[in-house]
Amino acid sequence: MCSMAAMGGGLGLLQGAASASAKQDAANKNIAAQMVQTSLDYQQSQRELIVESEAASEQANDAWLKMESSKATVSAGSAGTQGSTVGARLGEQSRQGGLSISRAYDRKESAQANHQAETKAKEIEGNNYIATQHIDPMTSMFEIAAGGFKGWSRFAKL
């Protein structure tokens, strides 16, 4: 009877060890998947930053070209005239062009700030998920011991 209980205890320990090992393996796979997902999120954020930065640069360049063209048009249209509105129109064209260029650079800075914030948020989210996946060694040890005790108690009754 005693040998049956010992055999049951041994089987229970093996079952507990297998269960703990399976949980650790699943946790490791979850961690690996989370790391891949975090990397993909970062790459997507990088692409969005590049697209936004390029669009902002193009917007600034277009604004500058439009400003120069408008100033040339005002100057050519008022050639030979010495009216008081020529300077005002040139000043207004410069002001409008400067505002458009400023908005484009603000857009670019905003894209960079959004990228940094999103990257940090995804990093924190990934680290928190990984932290919850780690198996506590004491929990594993108690699970193995409990499995051994359950096996021993089942066979001790025989």
C-alpha atoms as a PDB file:
ATOM      1  CA  MET A   1       0.000   0.000   0.000  1.00  0.00           C
ATOM      2  CA  CYS A   2       2.844   2.314   0.815  1.00  0.00           C
ATOM      3  CA  SER A   3       4.533   1.691  -2.536  1.00  0.00           C
ATOM      4  CA  MET A   4       1.304   2.569  -4.361  1.00  0.00           C
ATOM      5  CA  ALA A   5       1.202   5.898  -2.535  1.00  0.00           C
ATOM      6  CA  ALA A   6       4.837   6.572  -3.418  1.00  0.00           C
ATOM      7  CA  MET A   7       4.151   5.691  -7.035  1.00  0.00           C
ATOM      8  CA  GLY A   8       1.123   8.013  -6.994  1.00  0.00           C
ATOM      9  CA  GLY A   9       3.230  10.787  -5.469  1.00  0.00           C
ATOM     10  CA  GLY A  10       5.856  10.342  -8.188  1.00  0.00           C
ATOM     11  CA  LEU A  11       3.235  10.420 -10.921  1.00  0.00           C
ATOM     12  CA  GLY A  12       1.665  13.492  -9.336  1.00  0.00           C
ATOM     13  CA  LEU A  13       5.039  15.250  -9.263  1.00  0.00           C
ATOM     14  CA  LEU A  14       5.546  14.440 -12.941  1.00  0.00           C
ATOM     15  CA  GLN A  15       2.066  15.702 -13.773  1.00  0.00           C
ATOM     16  CA  GLY A  16       2.681  18.910 -11.800  1.00  0.00           C
ATOM     17  CA  ALA A  17       6.046  19.433 -13.499  1.00  0.00           C
ATOM     18  CA  ALA A  18       4.503  18.885 -16.923  1.00  0.00           C
ATOM     19  CA  SER A  19       1.726  21.361 -16.149  1.00  0.00           C
ATOM     20  CA  ALA A  20       4.194  24.001 -14.918  1.00  0.00           C
ATOM     21  CA  SER A  21       6.389  23.444 -17.963  1.00  0.00           C
ATOM     22  CA  ALA A  22       3.419  23.817 -20.313  1.00  0.00           C
ATOM     23  CA  LYS A  23       2.399  27.068 -18.642  1.00  0.00           C
ATOM     24  CA  GLN A  24       5.944  28.430 -18.935  1.00  0.00           C
ATOM     25  CA  ASP A  25       6.106  27.410 -22.593  1.00  0.00           C
ATOM     26  CA  ALA A  26       2.792  29.148 -23.300  1.00  0.00           C
ATOM     27  CA  ALA A  27       4.011  32.267 -21.476  1.00  0.00           C
ATOM     28  CA  ASN A  28       7.230  32.282 -23.520  1.00  0.00           C
ATOM     29  CA  LYS A  29       5.236  32.031 -26.755  1.00  0.00           C
ATOM     30  CA  ASN A  30       2.947  34.871 -25.638  1.00  0.00           C
ATOM     31  CA  ILE A  31       5.983  37.012 -24.810  1.00  0.00           C
ATOM     32  CA  ALA A  32       7.559  36.311 -28.201  1.00  0.00           C
ATOM     33  CA  ALA A  33       4.290  37.174 -29.970  1.00  0.00           C
ATOM     34  CA  GLN A  34       4.005  40.418 -27.994  1.00  0.00           C
ATOM     35  CA  MET A  35       7.564  41.390 -28.910  1.00  0.00           C
ATOM     36  CA  VAL A  36       6.817  40.821 -32.604  1.00  0.00           C
ATOM     37  CA  GLN A  37       3.584  42.839 -32.337  1.00  0.00           C
ATOM     38  CA  THR A  38       5.390  45.703 -30.592  1.00  0.00           C
ATOM     39  CA  SER A  39       8.015  45.698 -33.336  1.00  0.00           C
ATOM     40  CA  LEU A  40       5.312  45.798 -36.036  1.00  0.00           C
ATOM     41  CA  ASP A  41       3.546  48.661 -34.243  1.00  0.00           C
ATOM     42  CA  TYR A  42       6.826  50.582 -34.072  1.00  0.00           C
ATOM     43  CA  GLN A  43       7.476  50.043 -37.790  1.00  0.00           C
ATOM     44  CA  GLN A  44       3.963  51.249 -38.628  1.00  0.00           C
ATOM     45  CA  SER A  45       4.503  54.341 -36.497  1.00  0.00           C
ATOM     46  CA  GLN A  46       7.811  54.972 -38.301  1.00  0.00           C
ATOM     47  CA  ARG A  47       6.067  54.763 -41.683  1.00  0.00           C
ATOM     48  CA  GLU A  48       3.372  57.191 -40.545  1.00  0.00           C
ATOM     49  CA  LEU A  49       6.045  59.609 -39.315  1.00  0.00           C
ATOM     50  CA  ILE A  50       7.874  59.469 -42.642  1.00  0.00           C
ATOM     51  CA  VAL A  51       4.664  60.005 -44.633  1.00  0.00           C
ATOM     52  CA  GLU A  52       3.578  62.937 -42.445  1.00  0.00           C
ATOM     53  CA  SER A  53       7.045  64.519 -42.507  1.00  0.00           C
ATOM     54  CA  GLU A  54       7.289  64.227 -46.272  1.00  0.00           C
ATOM     55  CA  ALA A  55       3.793  65.683 -46.701  1.00  0.00           C
ATOM     56  CA  ALA A  56       4.653  68.593 -44.380  1.00  0.00           C
ATOM     57  CA  SER A  57       7.880  69.289 -46.271  1.00  0.00           C
ATOM     58  CA  GLU A  58       6.011  69.227 -49.565  1.00  0.00           C
ATOM     59  CA  GLN A  59       3.366  71.557 -48.098  1.00  0.00           C
ATOM     60  CA  ALA A  60       6.076  73.995 -46.944  1.00  0.00           C
ATOM     61  CA  ASN A  61       7.770  73.896 -50.347  1.00  0.00           C
ATOM     62  CA  ASP A  62       4.451  74.483 -52.147  1.00  0.00           C
ATOM     63  CA  ALA A  63       3.698  77.411 -49.822  1.00  0.00           C
ATOM     64  CA  TRP A  64       7.100  78.950 -50.517  1.00  0.00           C
ATOM     65  CA  LEU A  65       6.680  78.548 -54.293  1.00  0.00           C
ATOM     66  CA  LYS A  66       3.194  80.045 -54.149  1.00  0.00           C
ATOM     67  CA  MET A  67       4.447  82.946 -52.043  1.00  0.00           C
ATOM     68  CA  GLU A  68       7.279  83.709 -54.482  1.00  0.00           C
ATOM     69  CA  SER A  69       4.958  83.390 -57.470  1.00  0.00           C
ATOM     70  CA  SER A  70       2.376  85.698 -55.890  1.00  0.00           C
ATOM     71  CA  LYS A  71       5.019  88.270 -55.036  1.00  0.00           C
ATOM     72  CA  ALA A  72       6.311  88.159 -58.607  1.00  0.00           C
ATOM     73  CA  THR A  73       2.766  88.536 -59.960  1.00  0.00           C
ATOM     74  CA  VAL A  74       2.097  91.541 -57.726  1.00  0.00           C
ATOM     75  CA  SER A  75       5.416  93.107 -58.701  1.00  0.00           C
ATOM     76  CA  ALA A  76       4.867  92.502 -62.423  1.00  0.00           C
ATOM     77  CA  GLY A  77       1.282  93.719 -62.272  1.00  0.00           C
ATOM     78  CA  SER A  78       2.288  96.940 -60.632  1.00  0.00           C
ATOM     79  CA  ALA A  79       5.327  97.621 -62.807  1.00  0.00           C
ATOM     80  CA  GLY A  80       5.615 101.283 -63.516  1.00  0.00           C
ATOM     81  CA  THR A  81       3.126 102.239 -60.835  1.00  0.00           C
ATOM     82  CA  GLN A  82       4.141 103.778 -57.604  1.00  0.00           C
ATOM     83  CA  GLY A  83       0.850 103.261 -55.746  1.00  0.00           C
ATOM     84  CA  SER A  84       0.750 102.829 -52.029  1.00  0.00           C
ATOM     85  CA  THR A  85      -0.877  99.384 -52.262  1.00  0.00           C
ATOM     86  CA  VAL A  86       2.041  97.636 -53.956  1.00  0.00           C
ATOM     87  CA  GLY A  87       4.020  97.349 -50.748  1.00  0.00           C
ATOM     88  CA  ALA A  88       0.938  96.316 -48.801  1.00  0.00           C
ATOM     89  CA  ARG A  89       0.137  93.575 -51.299  1.00  0.00           C
ATOM     90  CA  LEU A  90       3.719  92.314 -51.263  1.00  0.00           C
ATOM     91  CA  GLY A  91       3.677  92.333 -47.475  1.00  0.00           C
ATOM     92  CA  GLU A  92       0.391  90.433 -47.386  1.00  0.00           C
ATOM     93  CA  GLN A  93       1.703  87.807 -49.820  1.00  0.00           C
ATOM     94  CA  SER A  94       4.793  87.356 -47.641  1.00  0.00           C
ATOM     95  CA  ARG A  95       2.668  87.106 -44.505  1.00  0.00           C
ATOM     96  CA  GLN A  96       0.339  84.500 -46.030  1.00  0.00           C
ATOM     97  CA  GLY A  97       3.278  82.495 -47.359  1.00  0.00           C
ATOM     98  CA  GLY A  98       5.021  82.633 -43.997  1.00  0.00           C
ATOM     99  CA  LEU A  99       1.889  81.395 -42.220  1.00  0.00           C
ATOM    100  CA  SER A 100       1.529  78.500 -44.644  1.00  0.00           C
ATOM    101  CA  ILE A 101       5.165  77.517 -44.170  1.00  0.00           C
ATOM    102  CA  SER A 102       4.782  77.797 -40.396  1.00  0.00           C
ATOM    103  CA  ARG A 103       1.705  75.522 -40.465  1.00  0.00           C
ATOM    104  CA  ALA A 104       3.646  72.960 -42.474  1.00  0.00           C
ATOM    105  CA  TYR A 105       6.496  72.929 -39.967  1.00  0.00           C
ATOM    106  CA  ASP A 106       3.984  72.682 -37.110  1.00  0.00           C
ATOM    107  CA  ARG A 107       2.483  69.664 -38.856  1.00  0.00           C
ATOM    108  CA  LYS A 108       5.908  68.066 -39.088  1.00  0.00           C
ATOM    109  CA  GLU A 109       6.676  68.720 -35.403  1.00  0.00           C
ATOM    110  CA  SER A 110       3.263  67.369 -34.450  1.00  0.00           C
ATOM    111  CA  ALA A 111       3.937  64.178 -36.404  1.00  0.00           C
ATOM    112  CA  GLN A 112       7.239  63.730 -34.567  1.00  0.00           C
ATOM    113  CA  ALA A 113       5.599  64.306 -31.172  1.00  0.00           C
ATOM    114  CA  ASN A 114       2.791  61.868 -32.014  1.00  0.00           C
ATOM    115  CA  HIS A 115       5.342  59.279 -33.097  1.00  0.00           C
ATOM    116  CA  GLN A 116       7.299  59.606 -29.851  1.00  0.00           C
ATOM    117  CA  ALA A 117       4.169  59.404 -27.695  1.00  0.00           C
ATOM    118  CA  GLU A 118       2.776  56.430 -29.603  1.00  0.00           C
ATOM    119  CA  THR A 119       6.104  54.605 -29.481  1.00  0.00           C
ATOM    120  CA  LYS A 120       6.401  55.130 -25.719  1.00  0.00           C
ATOM    121  CA  ALA A 121       2.798  54.022 -25.132  1.00  0.00           C
ATOM    122  CA  LYS A 122       3.316  50.833 -27.166  1.00  0.00           C
ATOM    123  CA  GLU A 123       6.574  50.139 -25.319  1.00  0.00           C
ATOM    124  CA  ILE A 124       4.854  50.484 -21.937  1.00  0.00           C
ATOM    125  CA  GLU A 125       1.915  48.359 -23.097  1.00  0.00           C
ATOM    126  CA  GLY A 126       4.260  45.632 -24.340  1.00  0.00           C
ATOM    127  CA  ASN A 127       6.342  45.659 -21.160  1.00  0.00           C
ATOM    128  CA  ASN A 128       3.213  45.443 -18.990  1.00  0.00           C
ATOM    129  CA  TYR A 129       1.915  42.497 -20.986  1.00  0.00           C
ATOM    130  CA  ILE A 130       5.253  40.713 -20.780  1.00  0.00           C
ATOM    131  CA  ALA A 131       5.407  41.311 -17.024  1.00  0.00           C
ATOM    132  CA  THR A 132       2.027  39.609 -16.588  1.00  0.00           C
ATOM    133  CA  GLN A 133       3.168  36.582 -18.574  1.00  0.00           C
ATOM    134  CA  HIS A 134       6.104  35.626 -16.390  1.00  0.00           C
ATOM    135  CA  ILE A 135       5.475  32.553 -14.260  1.00  0.00           C
ATOM    136  CA  ASP A 136       6.442  32.930 -10.613  1.00  0.00           C
ATOM    137  CA  PRO A 137       8.930  30.184  -9.628  1.00  0.00           C
ATOM    138  CA  MET A 138       7.226  29.700  -6.264  1.00  0.00           C
ATOM    139  CA  THR A 139       3.887  29.166  -7.995  1.00  0.00           C
ATOM    140  CA  SER A 140       5.482  26.530 -10.217  1.00  0.00           C
ATOM    141  CA  MET A 141       7.076  24.812  -7.219  1.00  0.00           C
ATOM    142  CA  PHE A 142       3.783  24.726  -5.317  1.00  0.00           C
ATOM    143  CA  GLU A 143       1.967  23.442  -8.385  1.00  0.00           C
ATOM    144  CA  ILE A 144       4.457  20.602  -8.700  1.00  0.00           C
ATOM    145  CA  ALA A 145       4.245  19.837  -4.972  1.00  0.00           C
ATOM    146  CA  ALA A 146       0.434  19.949  -5.047  1.00  0.00           C
ATOM    147  CA  GLY A 147       0.421  17.541  -7.982  1.00  0.00           C
ATOM    148  CA  GLY A 148       2.643  15.174  -6.014  1.00  0.00           C
ATOM    149  CA  PHE A 149       0.430  15.385  -2.956  1.00  0.00           C
ATOM    150  CA  LYS A 150      -2.734  14.799  -5.025  1.00  0.00           C
ATOM    151  CA  GLY A 151      -1.184  11.753  -6.640  1.00  0.00           C
ATOM    152  CA  TRP A 152       0.025  10.397  -3.312  1.00  0.00           C
ATOM    153  CA  SER A 153      -3.390  10.918  -1.681  1.00  0.00           C
ATOM    154  CA  ARG A 154      -5.230   9.183  -4.552  1.00  0.00           C
ATOM    155  CA  PHE A 155      -3.061   6.090  -4.319  1.00  0.00           C
ATOM    156  CA  ALA A 156      -2.824   6.101  -0.512  1.00  0.00           C
ATOM    157  CA  LYS A 157      -6.554   5.372  -0.325  1.00  0.00           C
ATOM    158  CA  LEU A 158      -6.110   2.114  -2.260  1.00  0.00           C
END
